[in-house]
Amino acid sequence: MKQRMRNWPFHIMILPSLLFLIVFSYIPMAGIVMAFQDFKPWLGIAGSEWVGWDNFRYLFERQDSMQVILNTLIIAVLKILFNLIAPFTFAIFLNELRQMAVKRFVQTLVYLPHFLSWVILGGILVDILSTDGGIVNRVLVEWFGIGPVFFLGNGDWFRVTVIVSDVWKEFGFGTVVFLAALANVNPSLYEAAEVDGAGRFKQTLHITIPAMIPITVVVGTLALGNVLNAGFDQIFNLYNPLVYDKGDIIDTFVYRTAILNGEMGFGTAIGLFKSVIGMILILISYRLAYKWAGYRIF
């Protein structure tokens, strides 16, 4: 009791966040029952017809919903993979810089896009990738003689654009995580390796990379929980009906079916399906992170 009395200021500090979480995360969970109803807004939850598992059965019968799940898996998995490879590699190169001023400048420069919203970046990408005067297509046509590429109108190119732009935006943040792991490496290891005649490549291969493996395992396993999160903000600001077959994901599909088409019961069923799978993957990823890297948060 005495310890709780001493810690009461900390409980007061977390109270606003707790209230925010309850109001915007837990109370709305009552709407899950719509997944089992033919929900009509004018009838409300109490008056809408109960249909049981019909919405979930319909989910697996619709061809477009299966394509959406496949699109989500492909885009999300590739994002996770390249968002591991890019910061891992860049952190190694950045760690080799000896001029601290240059190192900090580059680190800050690549970190800045993380703070830009996809509303801003989406508008920029639409302009620079446009087939009508976009700078990227102008370079392709004038310098390489390649016809203009419809990056945001061709399904295959749309996936490439989404993945590359996401990696460009987020790899700076990932680099910070890996550099933090490298900061804990004992400098005497490099000194001993240099005395033994190991060059920079050997030092990187036998000291730097092994030091980054544990945090890589942690980041990679925890990312499994996001395997069905392909990035609503990014896709929503970039996609169009021309790329629905390759670029439509679960979140944008829910938005169109539930909000635009009024199929709120079906849209809720899709969202619930995604949430349950995501929860299972998060539990598995935490277990794997603890088993392989000794990482735990509770």
Protein backbone atom coordinates (compact mmCIF):
# COMPACT_ATOMS: atom_id res chain seq x y z
CA MET A 1 0.00 0.00 0.00
CA LYS A 2 2.86 2.38 0.83
CA GLN A 3 4.46 1.68 -2.54
CA ARG A 4 1.16 2.36 -4.32
CA MET A 5 0.80 5.62 -2.45
CA ARG A 6 4.29 6.65 -3.56
CA ASN A 7 3.53 5.78 -7.16
CA TRP A 8 0.15 7.54 -7.45
CA PRO A 9 1.60 10.39 -9.61
CA PHE A 10 2.62 7.83 -12.23
CA HIS A 11 -0.89 6.36 -12.26
CA ILE A 12 -2.32 9.84 -12.78
CA MET A 13 0.10 10.36 -15.69
CA ILE A 14 -1.12 7.27 -17.55
CA LEU A 15 -4.80 8.01 -16.85
CA PRO A 16 -5.38 10.13 -20.03
CA SER A 17 -3.83 7.42 -22.22
CA LEU A 18 -5.88 4.76 -20.46
CA LEU A 19 -9.10 6.70 -20.99
CA PHE A 20 -8.19 7.27 -24.67
CA LEU A 21 -7.58 3.53 -25.08
CA ILE A 22 -10.89 2.61 -23.43
CA VAL A 23 -12.98 5.12 -25.38
CA PHE A 24 -11.45 4.55 -28.83
CA SER A 25 -10.30 0.90 -28.66
CA TYR A 26 -12.34 -1.09 -26.17
CA ILE A 27 -15.81 0.47 -26.24
CA PRO A 28 -16.02 0.24 -30.09
CA MET A 29 -15.37 -3.51 -29.80
CA ALA A 30 -19.05 -3.86 -28.92
CA GLY A 31 -19.71 -3.32 -32.63
CA ILE A 32 -18.21 -6.74 -33.35
CA VAL A 33 -21.73 -8.18 -33.13
CA MET A 34 -22.43 -6.53 -36.52
CA ALA A 35 -20.25 -9.25 -38.08
CA PHE A 36 -23.04 -11.71 -37.24
CA GLN A 37 -25.90 -9.50 -38.44
CA ASP A 38 -27.36 -8.16 -41.64
CA PHE A 39 -26.75 -4.75 -40.12
CA LYS A 40 -28.97 -1.84 -41.13
CA PRO A 41 -27.97 1.57 -39.69
CA TRP A 42 -31.61 2.70 -39.39
CA LEU A 43 -32.48 -0.41 -37.37
CA GLY A 44 -29.40 -0.35 -35.17
CA ILE A 45 -27.68 -3.32 -33.56
CA ALA A 46 -30.76 -4.30 -31.54
CA GLY A 47 -33.10 -4.28 -34.55
CA SER A 48 -30.91 -5.78 -37.29
CA GLU A 49 -31.47 -9.38 -38.38
CA TRP A 50 -29.14 -12.00 -36.89
CA VAL A 51 -27.49 -14.09 -39.64
CA GLY A 52 -24.90 -16.03 -37.67
CA TRP A 53 -21.85 -17.07 -39.72
CA ASP A 54 -23.32 -16.09 -43.09
CA ASN A 55 -21.05 -13.04 -43.47
CA PHE A 56 -17.95 -15.17 -42.88
CA ARG A 57 -19.21 -17.82 -45.28
CA TYR A 58 -19.80 -15.10 -47.86
CA LEU A 59 -16.26 -13.82 -47.24
CA PHE A 60 -14.72 -17.11 -48.38
CA GLU A 61 -17.14 -17.54 -51.28
CA ARG A 62 -16.47 -14.16 -52.92
CA GLN A 63 -13.69 -14.22 -55.49
CA ASP A 64 -12.70 -10.61 -54.91
CA SER A 65 -12.30 -11.10 -51.14
CA MET A 66 -9.88 -14.01 -51.70
CA GLN A 67 -7.88 -11.85 -54.11
CA VAL A 68 -7.79 -9.06 -51.52
CA ILE A 69 -6.41 -11.42 -48.86
CA LEU A 70 -3.76 -12.65 -51.33
CA ASN A 71 -2.82 -9.06 -52.24
CA THR A 72 -2.50 -8.17 -48.57
CA LEU A 73 -0.22 -11.13 -47.85
CA ILE A 74 2.04 -10.45 -50.85
CA ILE A 75 2.43 -6.72 -50.17
CA ALA A 76 2.80 -7.10 -46.38
CA VAL A 77 5.34 -9.94 -46.54
CA LEU A 78 7.48 -8.11 -49.11
CA LYS A 79 7.34 -4.94 -47.01
CA ILE A 80 8.46 -6.85 -43.90
CA LEU A 81 11.28 -8.55 -45.81
CA PHE A 82 12.70 -5.44 -47.47
CA ASN A 83 12.17 -3.31 -44.35
CA LEU A 84 14.56 -5.72 -42.65
CA ILE A 85 17.14 -5.99 -45.42
CA ALA A 86 17.39 -2.26 -46.24
CA PRO A 87 18.03 -0.88 -42.70
CA PHE A 88 20.26 -3.85 -41.82
CA THR A 89 22.50 -3.18 -44.82
CA PHE A 90 22.43 0.61 -44.49
CA ALA A 91 23.29 0.44 -40.77
CA ILE A 92 26.41 -1.59 -41.60
CA PHE A 93 27.58 0.97 -44.16
CA LEU A 94 26.72 3.89 -41.88
CA ASN A 95 28.60 2.27 -39.02
CA GLU A 96 31.75 2.29 -41.13
CA LEU A 97 31.76 6.10 -41.46
CA ARG A 98 34.42 7.66 -39.27
CA GLN A 99 33.41 11.33 -39.74
CA MET A 100 30.78 11.76 -37.03
CA ALA A 101 29.38 14.96 -38.56
CA VAL A 102 28.73 13.22 -41.89
CA LYS A 103 27.35 10.16 -40.12
CA ARG A 104 24.85 12.21 -38.10
CA PHE A 105 23.82 14.26 -41.14
CA VAL A 106 23.12 11.14 -43.23
CA GLN A 107 21.30 9.47 -40.35
CA THR A 108 19.06 12.51 -39.87
CA LEU A 109 18.46 12.84 -43.61
CA VAL A 110 17.21 9.27 -44.07
CA TYR A 111 15.17 9.45 -40.85
CA LEU A 112 13.14 12.52 -41.86
CA PRO A 113 10.70 10.78 -44.30
CA HIS A 114 9.40 8.69 -41.39
CA PHE A 115 7.66 11.81 -40.04
CA LEU A 116 5.85 12.66 -43.29
CA SER A 117 2.28 11.46 -43.67
CA TRP A 118 1.17 9.38 -46.64
CA VAL A 119 -1.24 12.17 -47.57
CA ILE A 120 1.77 14.37 -48.36
CA LEU A 121 3.92 11.61 -49.84
CA GLY A 122 0.98 10.28 -51.87
CA GLY A 123 0.54 13.65 -53.56
CA ILE A 124 4.27 13.86 -54.26
CA LEU A 125 4.38 10.35 -55.74
CA VAL A 126 1.34 11.00 -57.94
CA ASP A 127 3.13 14.04 -59.39
CA ILE A 128 6.61 12.59 -59.91
CA LEU A 129 5.30 9.25 -61.27
CA SER A 130 2.73 10.77 -63.61
CA THR A 131 2.87 9.70 -67.25
CA ASP A 132 2.06 13.27 -68.20
CA GLY A 133 5.23 15.19 -67.34
CA GLY A 134 6.26 13.32 -64.19
CA ILE A 135 9.99 13.64 -63.54
CA VAL A 136 10.57 9.88 -63.30
CA ASN A 137 8.95 9.14 -66.67
CA ARG A 138 10.70 12.13 -68.24
CA VAL A 139 14.05 10.66 -67.18
CA LEU A 140 13.07 7.20 -68.49
CA VAL A 141 11.99 8.61 -71.86
CA GLU A 142 14.70 11.25 -72.43
CA TRP A 143 17.71 9.46 -70.93
CA PHE A 144 16.99 5.76 -71.50
CA GLY A 145 14.48 5.79 -74.37
CA ILE A 146 11.97 3.77 -72.33
CA GLY A 147 8.31 4.54 -72.91
CA PRO A 148 6.40 6.12 -70.04
CA VAL A 149 5.54 3.60 -67.32
CA PHE A 150 2.10 3.76 -65.71
CA PHE A 151 3.39 3.15 -62.18
CA LEU A 152 0.07 3.83 -60.45
CA GLY A 153 -2.19 2.37 -63.14
CA ASN A 154 -0.54 -1.00 -63.78
CA GLY A 155 -1.09 -3.62 -61.07
CA ASP A 156 2.42 -5.11 -61.13
CA TRP A 157 4.13 -1.72 -61.17
CA PHE A 158 1.77 -0.53 -58.45
CA ARG A 159 2.99 -3.25 -56.08
CA VAL A 160 6.61 -2.36 -56.83
CA THR A 161 5.88 1.33 -56.26
CA VAL A 162 4.12 0.64 -52.95
CA ILE A 163 6.94 -1.53 -51.60
CA VAL A 164 9.80 0.70 -52.76
CA SER A 165 8.17 3.89 -51.46
CA ASP A 166 7.39 2.27 -48.10
CA VAL A 167 10.99 1.06 -47.72
CA TRP A 168 12.29 4.53 -48.64
CA LYS A 169 10.02 6.12 -46.03
CA GLU A 170 10.72 3.72 -43.15
CA PHE A 171 14.26 2.35 -43.56
CA GLY A 172 15.73 5.37 -41.75
CA PHE A 173 13.73 4.51 -38.64
CA GLY A 174 14.83 0.88 -38.87
CA THR A 175 18.44 1.99 -39.25
CA VAL A 176 18.26 3.76 -35.88
CA VAL A 177 17.24 0.48 -34.22
CA PHE A 178 20.19 -1.41 -35.72
CA LEU A 179 22.65 1.39 -34.93
CA ALA A 180 21.47 1.28 -31.31
CA ALA A 181 22.39 -2.41 -31.25
CA LEU A 182 25.82 -1.66 -32.71
CA ALA A 183 26.43 1.00 -30.07
CA ASN A 184 26.59 -1.79 -27.47
CA VAL A 185 29.45 -3.60 -29.23
CA ASN A 186 32.64 -3.47 -27.18
CA PRO A 187 35.26 -1.42 -29.13
CA SER A 188 37.98 -3.71 -27.79
CA LEU A 189 36.64 -6.45 -30.06
CA TYR A 190 37.49 -4.35 -33.13
CA GLU A 191 40.88 -3.44 -31.64
CA ALA A 192 41.70 -7.09 -30.95
CA ALA A 193 40.61 -8.08 -34.45
CA GLU A 194 42.76 -5.34 -35.97
CA VAL A 195 45.79 -6.51 -33.96
CA ASP A 196 45.17 -10.01 -35.29
CA GLY A 197 45.31 -8.63 -38.83
CA ALA A 198 41.58 -8.54 -39.64
CA GLY A 199 40.60 -5.84 -42.13
CA ARG A 200 37.35 -3.89 -42.17
CA PHE A 201 35.55 -6.58 -44.15
CA LYS A 202 36.59 -9.33 -41.72
CA GLN A 203 35.62 -7.17 -38.75
CA THR A 204 32.21 -6.52 -40.25
CA LEU A 205 31.71 -10.18 -41.09
CA HIS A 206 32.74 -11.59 -37.72
CA ILE A 207 31.88 -8.80 -35.24
CA THR A 208 29.35 -6.31 -36.66
CA ILE A 209 26.94 -8.74 -38.31
CA PRO A 210 26.81 -11.24 -35.40
CA ALA A 211 26.10 -8.32 -33.05
CA MET A 212 23.08 -7.36 -35.19
CA ILE A 213 21.58 -10.85 -35.44
CA PRO A 214 19.68 -10.80 -32.08
CA ILE A 215 17.90 -7.49 -32.79
CA THR A 216 17.20 -8.70 -36.35
CA VAL A 217 15.50 -11.80 -34.95
CA VAL A 218 13.44 -9.65 -32.57
CA VAL A 219 12.38 -7.16 -35.25
CA GLY A 220 11.63 -9.91 -37.75
CA THR A 221 9.55 -12.05 -35.41
CA LEU A 222 7.59 -9.11 -34.01
CA ALA A 223 6.84 -8.02 -37.58
CA LEU A 224 4.90 -11.26 -38.09
CA GLY A 225 2.01 -9.65 -36.26
CA ASN A 226 1.71 -7.13 -39.10
CA VAL A 227 1.55 -9.68 -41.88
CA LEU A 228 -2.07 -8.66 -42.60
CA ASN A 229 -1.34 -4.93 -42.27
CA ALA A 230 -0.23 -3.80 -45.69
CA GLY A 231 -0.62 -0.09 -44.93
CA PHE A 232 -4.07 1.45 -45.34
CA ASP A 233 -2.83 5.06 -45.43
CA GLN A 234 -0.37 4.39 -48.22
CA ILE A 235 -2.64 2.24 -50.39
CA PHE A 236 -5.66 4.51 -49.92
CA ASN A 237 -3.72 7.57 -51.09
CA LEU A 238 -2.19 5.83 -54.12
CA TYR A 239 -4.59 3.23 -55.48
CA ASN A 240 -7.43 3.54 -58.00
CA PRO A 241 -9.90 1.17 -59.71
CA LEU A 242 -7.29 0.23 -62.34
CA VAL A 243 -5.16 -1.59 -59.75
CA TYR A 244 -7.84 -3.19 -57.55
CA ASP A 245 -6.88 -6.64 -58.83
CA LYS A 246 -3.27 -6.33 -57.59
CA GLY A 247 -3.29 -3.45 -55.11
CA ASP A 248 -6.52 -3.72 -53.12
CA ILE A 249 -5.89 -4.87 -49.52
CA ILE A 250 -8.12 -5.93 -46.63
CA ASP A 251 -8.32 -2.47 -45.03
CA THR A 252 -9.26 -0.64 -48.23
CA PHE A 253 -11.69 -3.44 -49.13
CA VAL A 254 -13.39 -3.03 -45.74
CA TYR A 255 -13.60 0.72 -46.29
CA ARG A 256 -15.28 0.31 -49.68
CA THR A 257 -17.68 -2.48 -48.71
CA ALA A 258 -18.68 -1.16 -45.28
CA ILE A 259 -18.54 2.63 -45.69
CA LEU A 260 -19.12 3.23 -49.40
CA ASN A 261 -21.35 0.26 -50.28
CA GLY A 262 -23.19 0.05 -46.96
CA GLU A 263 -22.41 -3.66 -46.36
CA MET A 264 -21.50 -3.00 -42.75
CA GLY A 265 -22.09 -6.53 -41.49
CA PHE A 266 -19.87 -8.01 -44.19
CA GLY A 267 -17.21 -5.32 -43.69
CA THR A 268 -17.18 -5.97 -39.93
CA ALA A 269 -16.77 -9.70 -40.57
CA ILE A 270 -13.71 -9.05 -42.73
CA GLY A 271 -12.22 -6.76 -40.10
CA LEU A 272 -12.88 -9.30 -37.33
CA PHE A 273 -11.29 -12.07 -39.40
CA LYS A 274 -8.19 -9.93 -39.88
CA SER A 275 -8.03 -8.99 -36.19
CA VAL A 276 -8.25 -12.60 -34.99
CA ILE A 277 -5.51 -13.75 -37.37
CA GLY A 278 -3.39 -10.75 -36.38
CA MET A 279 -3.79 -11.53 -32.67
CA ILE A 280 -2.74 -15.15 -33.20
CA LEU A 281 0.32 -14.04 -35.19
CA ILE A 282 1.28 -11.50 -32.51
CA LEU A 283 1.15 -14.18 -29.81
CA ILE A 284 3.25 -16.50 -31.96
CA SER A 285 5.77 -13.74 -32.76
CA TYR A 286 6.24 -12.84 -29.08
CA ARG A 287 6.79 -16.49 -28.28
CA LEU A 288 9.36 -16.84 -31.07
CA ALA A 289 11.13 -13.62 -30.04
CA TYR A 290 11.45 -14.93 -26.48
CA LYS A 291 12.63 -18.37 -27.65
CA TRP A 292 15.20 -17.18 -30.19
CA ALA A 293 16.41 -13.87 -28.77
CA GLY A 294 15.32 -13.85 -25.12
CA TYR A 295 13.06 -10.84 -25.76
CA ARG A 296 9.95 -10.35 -23.64
CA ILE A 297 7.72 -7.45 -22.62
CA PHE A 298 5.53 -9.28 -20.08
